[in-house]
Every structure is written in structure tokens, then in C-alpha cells.
Amino acid sequence: MATLARRLFKAALFLGLLALSLRYVQPYPYEWTDGEARAWWRASDWLGVSDPDDLYFVVWTSIELLVAILAYIAIMKLWRHYQSKKLR
């Protein structure tokens, strides 16, 4: 039962971090300059994506997921470090 509780807590922690990442890690401003629009169009053409907004969404979602993963790893390492210090 304790293992299930730990797994549920870890899943909830990760989902919470992902929600925070989606809320606070955002590109500003959303309006593209002409140079940025050309770059996104070229990248989407090169990757075979028909709409640059689709590519933009995938790129930023990946970045937000990466931020959540790195925050989760950092929290887990800090927790393990705290627990090892506590047992000494």
C-alpha cells in the first residue's frame, strides 16, 4: 500500500510540475516578427509540417515537458539528499 501511495504522490508531483510549467513557461510575446515568421515557415517546410503554428505548439510543449522533467529530477535528488542527511 505504501508503494502505491508513493507512486501516486510522484505522479501527482509530476503532473503538478507540468501544470506549473504550462502556466509559467511561456514564450512572450506571442506575435511573431517578420523574421521569426520566416524562420518558423522555413523550419516547418524543412520538417514537412504544413502549418508553422503546429510546429510552434509542439516545440513549446516539448520545452515545457523538459522543464517539468528537470524540476522533478531536481526535487527527487534533493529529497534523497535530505533523507540521507536525516538518517545520519
Protein backbone atom coordinates (compact mmCIF):
# COMPACT_ATOMS: atom_id res chain seq x y z
CA MET A 1 0.00 0.00 0.00
CA ALA A 2 2.87 2.35 0.77
CA THR A 3 4.36 1.70 -2.67
CA LEU A 4 1.09 2.66 -4.32
CA ALA A 5 0.90 5.84 -2.25
CA ARG A 6 4.48 6.76 -3.21
CA ARG A 7 3.79 6.17 -6.89
CA LEU A 8 0.60 8.21 -6.76
CA PHE A 9 2.42 11.02 -4.96
CA LYS A 10 5.19 11.01 -7.56
CA ALA A 11 2.67 11.05 -10.41
CA ALA A 12 0.76 13.91 -8.77
CA LEU A 13 4.02 15.80 -8.20
CA PHE A 14 5.00 15.43 -11.84
CA LEU A 15 1.55 16.47 -13.08
CA GLY A 16 1.63 19.47 -10.76
CA LEU A 17 5.05 20.48 -12.05
CA LEU A 18 3.82 20.08 -15.62
CA ALA A 19 0.81 22.28 -14.84
CA LEU A 20 3.11 24.93 -13.34
CA SER A 21 5.36 24.70 -16.36
CA LEU A 22 2.41 25.13 -18.73
CA ARG A 23 1.26 28.12 -16.70
CA TYR A 24 4.56 29.97 -16.24
CA VAL A 25 6.95 28.87 -19.02
CA GLN A 26 5.51 30.69 -21.99
CA PRO A 27 7.02 32.49 -24.93
CA TYR A 28 6.41 36.21 -24.86
CA PRO A 29 5.30 37.97 -26.97
CA TYR A 30 3.19 35.52 -28.96
CA GLU A 31 3.03 37.78 -32.03
CA TRP A 32 5.88 36.91 -34.37
CA THR A 33 8.08 39.46 -36.03
CA ASP A 34 8.62 39.11 -39.78
CA GLY A 35 11.98 37.42 -39.24
CA GLU A 36 10.57 34.96 -36.72
CA ALA A 37 7.65 34.14 -39.02
CA ARG A 38 10.05 33.44 -41.89
CA ALA A 39 12.18 31.22 -39.65
CA TRP A 40 9.13 29.24 -38.46
CA TRP A 41 7.90 28.88 -42.06
CA ARG A 42 11.30 27.62 -43.21
CA ALA A 43 11.56 25.19 -40.31
CA SER A 44 8.05 23.88 -40.90
CA ASP A 45 8.73 23.46 -44.62
CA TRP A 46 12.01 21.67 -43.88
CA LEU A 47 10.28 19.33 -41.41
CA GLY A 48 7.27 18.79 -43.65
CA VAL A 49 4.75 20.41 -41.30
CA SER A 50 2.03 22.26 -43.18
CA ASP A 51 1.32 24.93 -40.53
CA PRO A 52 4.08 26.69 -38.55
CA ASP A 53 1.68 27.11 -35.60
CA ASP A 54 1.57 23.32 -35.26
CA LEU A 55 5.35 23.18 -35.12
CA TYR A 56 5.40 26.07 -32.65
CA PHE A 57 2.95 24.23 -30.38
CA VAL A 58 4.99 21.00 -30.45
CA VAL A 59 8.26 22.84 -29.76
CA TRP A 60 6.88 24.76 -26.76
CA THR A 61 5.07 21.74 -25.37
CA SER A 62 8.35 19.81 -25.56
CA ILE A 63 10.17 22.62 -23.78
CA GLU A 64 7.55 22.74 -21.04
CA LEU A 65 7.71 18.95 -20.63
CA LEU A 66 11.50 19.13 -20.38
CA VAL A 67 11.26 21.85 -17.70
CA ALA A 68 8.83 19.69 -15.70
CA ILE A 69 11.11 16.65 -16.00
CA LEU A 70 14.18 18.60 -14.87
CA ALA A 71 12.29 20.10 -11.92
CA TYR A 72 11.05 16.62 -10.95
CA ILE A 73 14.57 15.17 -11.09
CA ALA A 74 15.93 18.06 -9.01
CA ILE A 75 13.23 17.64 -6.36
CA MET A 76 13.81 13.88 -6.16
CA LYS A 77 17.57 14.34 -5.77
CA LEU A 78 17.10 16.99 -3.11
CA TRP A 79 14.65 14.75 -1.25
CA ARG A 80 17.08 11.80 -1.33
CA HIS A 81 19.87 14.07 -0.12
CA TYR A 82 17.66 15.34 2.72
CA GLN A 83 16.68 11.81 3.70
CA SER A 84 20.29 10.61 3.74
CA LYS A 85 21.29 13.58 5.96
CA LYS A 86 18.34 12.91 8.24
CA LEU A 87 19.36 9.28 8.85
CA ARG A 88 22.92 10.14 9.90
